[in-house]
Amino acid sequence: MSTEDAAPKQVILIADDDEDILQLVSFRLERSGYTVIKARNGAEAIEAAKKQVPDLVVLDVQMPIFDGYEVTRALRAEDSTSRVPVILLTAKVQDGDVQRGFDAGADDYVRKPFSPQELRSRVQAILGRR
């Protein structure tokens, strides 16, 4: 067994209420060697992040219960998750939406429709800096 095989996989929490997007992002990131935790709304995302603090969170902005901005603020307010990087994934394209995401504490913002390769590259860049 090589040292790479022995290293624990980085954990990514993905929250999206669109099942197709959730499955696509999960599949791509799992194929890239990450462990994926899935949430289907903002409340599930917050609970999952508290249970098992992930290395990175990918959030849809428009979700039931709590939107991505609210989830990001909640993660930033918790000691255990305050430093976990957040990528917002959304169809919202107004510059004000992007600013609102960064103001909430997001580290990056990817617009839908997105290239899975671009998302994976952004994930790798953020995790590579940690």
N, C-alpha and C. Protein backbone atom coordinates (compact mmCIF):
# COMPACT_ATOMS: atom_id res chain seq x y z
N MET A 1 0.84 -1.18 0.00
CA MET A 1 0.00 0.00 0.00
C MET A 1 0.89 1.25 0.00
N SER A 2 0.63 2.17 -0.89
CA SER A 2 1.42 3.39 -0.96
C SER A 2 0.95 4.38 0.10
N THR A 3 1.78 5.38 0.35
CA THR A 3 1.41 6.41 1.33
C THR A 3 0.16 7.16 0.89
N GLU A 4 0.00 7.33 -0.43
CA GLU A 4 -1.19 8.00 -0.94
C GLU A 4 -2.45 7.23 -0.58
N ASP A 5 -2.39 5.89 -0.69
CA ASP A 5 -3.54 5.07 -0.36
C ASP A 5 -3.88 5.15 1.11
N ALA A 6 -2.89 5.33 1.97
CA ALA A 6 -3.09 5.34 3.41
C ALA A 6 -3.63 6.69 3.89
N ALA A 7 -3.44 7.73 3.13
CA ALA A 7 -3.90 9.06 3.55
C ALA A 7 -5.42 9.10 3.54
N PRO A 8 -6.02 9.72 4.57
CA PRO A 8 -7.48 9.82 4.57
C PRO A 8 -7.95 10.73 3.43
N LYS A 9 -9.08 10.36 2.85
CA LYS A 9 -9.64 11.17 1.76
C LYS A 9 -10.21 12.46 2.33
N GLN A 10 -10.07 13.53 1.55
CA GLN A 10 -10.68 14.78 1.95
C GLN A 10 -12.19 14.68 1.78
N VAL A 11 -12.92 15.28 2.72
CA VAL A 11 -14.37 15.19 2.76
C VAL A 11 -14.99 16.48 2.24
N ILE A 12 -15.92 16.34 1.29
CA ILE A 12 -16.63 17.49 0.73
C ILE A 12 -18.12 17.31 0.98
N LEU A 13 -18.72 18.32 1.56
CA LEU A 13 -20.16 18.35 1.76
C LEU A 13 -20.77 19.09 0.58
N ILE A 14 -21.75 18.45 -0.07
CA ILE A 14 -22.45 19.07 -1.20
C ILE A 14 -23.92 19.20 -0.81
N ALA A 15 -24.45 20.41 -0.96
CA ALA A 15 -25.87 20.64 -0.66
C ALA A 15 -26.54 21.25 -1.87
N ASP A 16 -27.54 20.55 -2.38
CA ASP A 16 -28.31 21.05 -3.52
C ASP A 16 -29.66 20.35 -3.51
N ASP A 17 -30.74 21.09 -3.72
CA ASP A 17 -32.06 20.47 -3.73
C ASP A 17 -32.42 19.87 -5.08
N ASP A 18 -31.59 20.12 -6.10
CA ASP A 18 -31.79 19.52 -7.42
C ASP A 18 -31.03 18.19 -7.43
N GLU A 19 -31.78 17.10 -7.43
CA GLU A 19 -31.18 15.76 -7.33
C GLU A 19 -30.18 15.48 -8.45
N ASP A 20 -30.47 15.96 -9.67
CA ASP A 20 -29.55 15.73 -10.79
C ASP A 20 -28.21 16.42 -10.56
N ILE A 21 -28.24 17.67 -10.10
CA ILE A 21 -27.00 18.40 -9.82
C ILE A 21 -26.26 17.73 -8.68
N LEU A 22 -27.00 17.37 -7.62
CA LEU A 22 -26.38 16.71 -6.47
C LEU A 22 -25.66 15.43 -6.89
N GLN A 23 -26.29 14.63 -7.73
CA GLN A 23 -25.68 13.38 -8.17
C GLN A 23 -24.49 13.63 -9.10
N LEU A 24 -24.61 14.59 -10.01
CA LEU A 24 -23.52 14.91 -10.94
C LEU A 24 -22.28 15.38 -10.19
N VAL A 25 -22.46 16.35 -9.30
CA VAL A 25 -21.32 16.88 -8.54
C VAL A 25 -20.71 15.79 -7.66
N SER A 26 -21.56 15.03 -6.99
CA SER A 26 -21.07 13.94 -6.13
C SER A 26 -20.25 12.93 -6.93
N PHE A 27 -20.80 12.50 -8.05
CA PHE A 27 -20.13 11.51 -8.90
C PHE A 27 -18.76 12.02 -9.34
N ARG A 28 -18.72 13.25 -9.85
CA ARG A 28 -17.45 13.81 -10.34
C ARG A 28 -16.41 13.92 -9.24
N LEU A 29 -16.83 14.38 -8.07
CA LEU A 29 -15.86 14.55 -6.98
C LEU A 29 -15.43 13.21 -6.38
N GLU A 30 -16.35 12.26 -6.31
CA GLU A 30 -15.97 10.92 -5.83
C GLU A 30 -14.98 10.28 -6.79
N ARG A 31 -15.19 10.46 -8.10
CA ARG A 31 -14.24 9.92 -9.10
C ARG A 31 -12.88 10.58 -8.99
N SER A 32 -12.85 11.80 -8.44
CA SER A 32 -11.58 12.50 -8.25
C SER A 32 -10.92 12.13 -6.92
N GLY A 33 -11.53 11.21 -6.18
CA GLY A 33 -10.91 10.70 -4.96
C GLY A 33 -11.38 11.31 -3.65
N TYR A 34 -12.43 12.12 -3.71
CA TYR A 34 -12.94 12.74 -2.48
C TYR A 34 -14.05 11.90 -1.88
N THR A 35 -14.22 12.01 -0.57
CA THR A 35 -15.38 11.44 0.10
C THR A 35 -16.45 12.52 0.10
N VAL A 36 -17.68 12.16 -0.26
CA VAL A 36 -18.75 13.15 -0.41
C VAL A 36 -19.87 12.87 0.59
N ILE A 37 -20.31 13.94 1.23
CA ILE A 37 -21.50 13.92 2.08
C ILE A 37 -22.55 14.74 1.34
N LYS A 38 -23.78 14.23 1.27
CA LYS A 38 -24.83 14.92 0.52
C LYS A 38 -25.90 15.48 1.46
N ALA A 39 -26.38 16.67 1.12
CA ALA A 39 -27.51 17.29 1.82
C ALA A 39 -28.45 17.83 0.77
N ARG A 40 -29.74 17.79 1.06
CA ARG A 40 -30.74 18.21 0.08
C ARG A 40 -31.41 19.54 0.42
N ASN A 41 -31.00 20.15 1.53
CA ASN A 41 -31.50 21.47 1.88
C ASN A 41 -30.53 22.11 2.87
N GLY A 42 -30.77 23.37 3.18
CA GLY A 42 -29.85 24.10 4.05
C GLY A 42 -29.76 23.56 5.45
N ALA A 43 -30.88 23.13 6.01
CA ALA A 43 -30.87 22.58 7.37
C ALA A 43 -30.03 21.30 7.43
N GLU A 44 -30.21 20.41 6.44
CA GLU A 44 -29.41 19.18 6.39
C GLU A 44 -27.92 19.52 6.26
N ALA A 45 -27.59 20.54 5.48
CA ALA A 45 -26.20 20.93 5.28
C ALA A 45 -25.56 21.38 6.59
N ILE A 46 -26.27 22.22 7.34
CA ILE A 46 -25.73 22.70 8.62
C ILE A 46 -25.54 21.53 9.58
N GLU A 47 -26.53 20.67 9.68
CA GLU A 47 -26.46 19.51 10.58
C GLU A 47 -25.31 18.58 10.19
N ALA A 48 -25.18 18.31 8.90
CA ALA A 48 -24.10 17.42 8.42
C ALA A 48 -22.72 18.02 8.70
N ALA A 49 -22.59 19.32 8.52
CA ALA A 49 -21.30 19.98 8.76
C ALA A 49 -20.92 19.95 10.24
N LYS A 50 -21.90 20.05 11.11
CA LYS A 50 -21.63 19.99 12.55
C LYS A 50 -21.25 18.57 12.97
N LYS A 51 -21.90 17.58 12.35
CA LYS A 51 -21.65 16.17 12.68
C LYS A 51 -20.25 15.72 12.26
N GLN A 52 -19.90 16.00 11.03
CA GLN A 52 -18.60 15.62 10.48
C GLN A 52 -18.06 16.83 9.73
N VAL A 53 -17.18 17.58 10.38
CA VAL A 53 -16.67 18.80 9.78
C VAL A 53 -15.94 18.46 8.48
N PRO A 54 -16.47 18.96 7.36
CA PRO A 54 -15.85 18.64 6.06
C PRO A 54 -14.62 19.51 5.79
N ASP A 55 -13.88 19.13 4.78
CA ASP A 55 -12.72 19.92 4.34
C ASP A 55 -13.17 21.07 3.43
N LEU A 56 -14.35 20.93 2.82
CA LEU A 56 -14.88 21.92 1.89
C LEU A 56 -16.39 21.72 1.79
N VAL A 57 -17.12 22.82 1.54
CA VAL A 57 -18.56 22.75 1.34
C VAL A 57 -18.90 23.39 0.00
N VAL A 58 -19.73 22.69 -0.80
CA VAL A 58 -20.25 23.22 -2.05
C VAL A 58 -21.75 23.37 -1.86
N LEU A 59 -22.24 24.62 -1.92
CA LEU A 59 -23.64 24.91 -1.62
C LEU A 59 -24.37 25.52 -2.80
N ASP A 60 -25.55 25.01 -3.08
CA ASP A 60 -26.46 25.69 -3.98
C ASP A 60 -26.98 26.92 -3.23
N VAL A 61 -27.18 28.01 -3.91
CA VAL A 61 -27.69 29.20 -3.23
C VAL A 61 -29.18 29.06 -2.95
N GLN A 62 -29.95 28.57 -3.91
CA GLN A 62 -31.40 28.48 -3.75
C GLN A 62 -31.80 27.09 -3.29
N MET A 63 -32.02 26.98 -1.97
CA MET A 63 -32.42 25.70 -1.37
C MET A 63 -33.55 25.94 -0.37
N PRO A 64 -34.33 24.91 -0.10
CA PRO A 64 -35.37 25.03 0.92
C PRO A 64 -34.77 25.18 2.33
N ILE A 65 -35.58 25.69 3.21
CA ILE A 65 -35.31 25.89 4.64
C ILE A 65 -34.30 27.01 4.86
N PHE A 66 -33.05 26.80 4.51
CA PHE A 66 -32.04 27.86 4.56
C PHE A 66 -31.37 27.92 3.20
N ASP A 67 -31.19 29.13 2.65
CA ASP A 67 -30.50 29.22 1.38
C ASP A 67 -28.98 29.16 1.60
N GLY A 68 -28.24 29.14 0.52
CA GLY A 68 -26.78 29.01 0.61
C GLY A 68 -26.12 30.14 1.37
N TYR A 69 -26.67 31.36 1.26
CA TYR A 69 -26.11 32.48 2.00
C TYR A 69 -26.28 32.26 3.51
N GLU A 70 -27.49 31.82 3.90
CA GLU A 70 -27.76 31.57 5.32
C GLU A 70 -26.89 30.44 5.86
N VAL A 71 -26.73 29.39 5.06
CA VAL A 71 -25.89 28.26 5.49
C VAL A 71 -24.45 28.73 5.65
N THR A 72 -23.97 29.52 4.70
CA THR A 72 -22.60 30.02 4.79
C THR A 72 -22.41 30.84 6.07
N ARG A 73 -23.35 31.74 6.35
CA ARG A 73 -23.25 32.54 7.58
C ARG A 73 -23.29 31.66 8.82
N ALA A 74 -24.14 30.63 8.81
CA ALA A 74 -24.23 29.72 9.96
C ALA A 74 -22.92 28.96 10.16
N LEU A 75 -22.32 28.52 9.06
CA LEU A 75 -21.04 27.80 9.16
C LEU A 75 -19.95 28.72 9.70
N ARG A 76 -19.94 29.96 9.26
CA ARG A 76 -18.94 30.93 9.71
C ARG A 76 -19.11 31.26 11.20
N ALA A 77 -20.34 31.16 11.70
CA ALA A 77 -20.62 31.51 13.10
C ALA A 77 -20.24 30.39 14.09
N GLU A 78 -20.07 29.18 13.59
CA GLU A 78 -19.71 28.03 14.45
C GLU A 78 -18.20 27.90 14.54
N ASP A 79 -17.67 27.71 15.74
CA ASP A 79 -16.22 27.55 15.90
C ASP A 79 -15.68 26.39 15.06
N SER A 80 -16.39 25.26 15.06
CA SER A 80 -15.88 24.07 14.39
C SER A 80 -15.85 24.19 12.87
N THR A 81 -16.71 25.03 12.30
CA THR A 81 -16.81 25.13 10.84
C THR A 81 -16.43 26.51 10.29
N SER A 82 -16.00 27.39 11.15
CA SER A 82 -15.78 28.78 10.72
C SER A 82 -14.69 28.93 9.66
N ARG A 83 -13.76 27.98 9.60
CA ARG A 83 -12.67 28.08 8.63
C ARG A 83 -12.81 27.12 7.44
N VAL A 84 -13.92 26.40 7.37
CA VAL A 84 -14.15 25.48 6.26
C VAL A 84 -14.46 26.30 5.00
N PRO A 85 -13.71 26.07 3.91
CA PRO A 85 -13.99 26.82 2.68
C PRO A 85 -15.36 26.48 2.10
N VAL A 86 -15.99 27.50 1.52
CA VAL A 86 -17.33 27.34 0.93
C VAL A 86 -17.30 27.83 -0.52
N ILE A 87 -17.83 26.99 -1.41
CA ILE A 87 -18.05 27.37 -2.81
C ILE A 87 -19.56 27.43 -3.01
N LEU A 88 -20.06 28.58 -3.46
CA LEU A 88 -21.47 28.69 -3.78
C LEU A 88 -21.67 28.34 -5.25
N LEU A 89 -22.70 27.55 -5.52
CA LEU A 89 -23.01 27.08 -6.86
C LEU A 89 -24.44 27.54 -7.16
N THR A 90 -24.61 28.39 -8.19
CA THR A 90 -25.94 28.95 -8.38
C THR A 90 -26.21 29.42 -9.80
N ALA A 91 -27.48 29.52 -10.10
CA ALA A 91 -27.93 30.08 -11.37
C ALA A 91 -28.10 31.59 -11.28
N LYS A 92 -27.99 32.15 -10.08
CA LYS A 92 -28.10 33.61 -9.92
C LYS A 92 -26.89 34.26 -10.56
N VAL A 93 -27.13 35.22 -11.45
CA VAL A 93 -26.01 35.76 -12.23
C VAL A 93 -25.77 37.25 -12.04
N GLN A 94 -26.55 37.90 -11.22
CA GLN A 94 -26.36 39.33 -11.01
C GLN A 94 -25.10 39.57 -10.16
N ASP A 95 -24.38 40.64 -10.46
CA ASP A 95 -23.19 40.96 -9.69
C ASP A 95 -23.50 41.10 -8.21
N GLY A 96 -24.68 41.63 -7.90
CA GLY A 96 -25.09 41.77 -6.50
C GLY A 96 -25.20 40.43 -5.80
N ASP A 97 -25.60 39.40 -6.53
CA ASP A 97 -25.69 38.05 -5.96
C ASP A 97 -24.30 37.53 -5.60
N VAL A 98 -23.35 37.77 -6.49
CA VAL A 98 -21.98 37.34 -6.24
C VAL A 98 -21.44 38.05 -5.01
N GLN A 99 -21.64 39.37 -4.94
CA GLN A 99 -21.17 40.14 -3.79
C GLN A 99 -21.83 39.64 -2.50
N ARG A 100 -23.12 39.34 -2.57
CA ARG A 100 -23.84 38.84 -1.39
C ARG A 100 -23.23 37.52 -0.91
N GLY A 101 -22.82 36.67 -1.86
CA GLY A 101 -22.17 35.41 -1.49
C GLY A 101 -20.85 35.63 -0.78
N PHE A 102 -20.03 36.52 -1.32
CA PHE A 102 -18.75 36.81 -0.67
C PHE A 102 -18.96 37.50 0.67
N ASP A 103 -19.96 38.39 0.76
CA ASP A 103 -20.26 39.05 2.03
C ASP A 103 -20.70 38.04 3.10
N ALA A 104 -21.36 36.97 2.66
CA ALA A 104 -21.78 35.93 3.61
C ALA A 104 -20.61 35.08 4.09
N GLY A 105 -19.48 35.15 3.37
CA GLY A 105 -18.29 34.40 3.78
C GLY A 105 -17.84 33.33 2.82
N ALA A 106 -18.44 33.28 1.62
CA ALA A 106 -18.03 32.27 0.63
C ALA A 106 -16.61 32.54 0.14
N ASP A 107 -15.92 31.47 -0.23
CA ASP A 107 -14.57 31.57 -0.75
C ASP A 107 -14.54 31.62 -2.28
N ASP A 108 -15.59 31.10 -2.91
CA ASP A 108 -15.65 31.09 -4.37
C ASP A 108 -17.12 31.01 -4.77
N TYR A 109 -17.37 31.28 -6.05
CA TYR A 109 -18.73 31.36 -6.57
C TYR A 109 -18.70 30.79 -7.98
N VAL A 110 -19.47 29.74 -8.24
CA VAL A 110 -19.52 29.12 -9.56
C VAL A 110 -20.95 29.23 -10.08
N ARG A 111 -21.08 29.75 -11.29
CA ARG A 111 -22.40 29.95 -11.88
C ARG A 111 -22.85 28.71 -12.67
N LYS A 112 -24.15 28.40 -12.54
CA LYS A 112 -24.77 27.35 -13.34
C LYS A 112 -25.23 27.96 -14.66
N PRO A 113 -25.21 27.25 -15.76
CA PRO A 113 -24.64 25.91 -15.89
C PRO A 113 -23.12 25.99 -15.76
N PHE A 114 -22.57 24.97 -15.17
CA PHE A 114 -21.14 24.97 -14.90
C PHE A 114 -20.46 23.80 -15.59
N SER A 115 -19.18 23.94 -15.78
CA SER A 115 -18.38 22.84 -16.30
C SER A 115 -17.91 22.01 -15.11
N PRO A 116 -18.18 20.69 -15.10
CA PRO A 116 -17.71 19.86 -14.00
C PRO A 116 -16.18 19.95 -13.81
N GLN A 117 -15.45 20.11 -14.92
CA GLN A 117 -13.99 20.23 -14.83
C GLN A 117 -13.61 21.52 -14.12
N GLU A 118 -14.33 22.61 -14.42
CA GLU A 118 -14.04 23.88 -13.75
C GLU A 118 -14.31 23.77 -12.25
N LEU A 119 -15.43 23.17 -11.89
CA LEU A 119 -15.74 23.00 -10.47
C LEU A 119 -14.68 22.16 -9.78
N ARG A 120 -14.30 21.06 -10.41
CA ARG A 120 -13.26 20.20 -9.82
C ARG A 120 -11.95 20.97 -9.67
N SER A 121 -11.59 21.78 -10.65
CA SER A 121 -10.36 22.57 -10.57
C SER A 121 -10.42 23.58 -9.43
N ARG A 122 -11.57 24.20 -9.24
CA ARG A 122 -11.72 25.16 -8.14
C ARG A 122 -11.64 24.45 -6.79
N VAL A 123 -12.26 23.28 -6.70
CA VAL A 123 -12.19 22.48 -5.47
C VAL A 123 -10.73 22.13 -5.17
N GLN A 124 -10.02 21.63 -6.17
CA GLN A 124 -8.62 21.26 -5.97
C GLN A 124 -7.76 22.45 -5.59
N ALA A 125 -8.02 23.61 -6.19
CA ALA A 125 -7.24 24.82 -5.87
C ALA A 125 -7.45 25.23 -4.42
N ILE A 126 -8.70 25.22 -3.99
CA ILE A 126 -8.99 25.65 -2.61
C ILE A 126 -8.40 24.64 -1.62
N LEU A 127 -8.61 23.35 -1.88
CA LEU A 127 -8.10 22.34 -0.95
C LEU A 127 -6.57 22.28 -0.96
N GLY A 128 -5.98 22.59 -2.10
CA GLY A 128 -4.52 22.59 -2.20
C GLY A 128 -3.87 23.68 -1.37
N ARG A 129 -4.62 24.73 -1.10
CA ARG A 129 -4.09 25.82 -0.28
C ARG A 129 -4.22 25.56 1.21
N ARG A 130 -4.99 24.56 1.58
CA ARG A 130 -5.22 24.29 3.02
C ARG A 130 -4.09 23.50 3.61
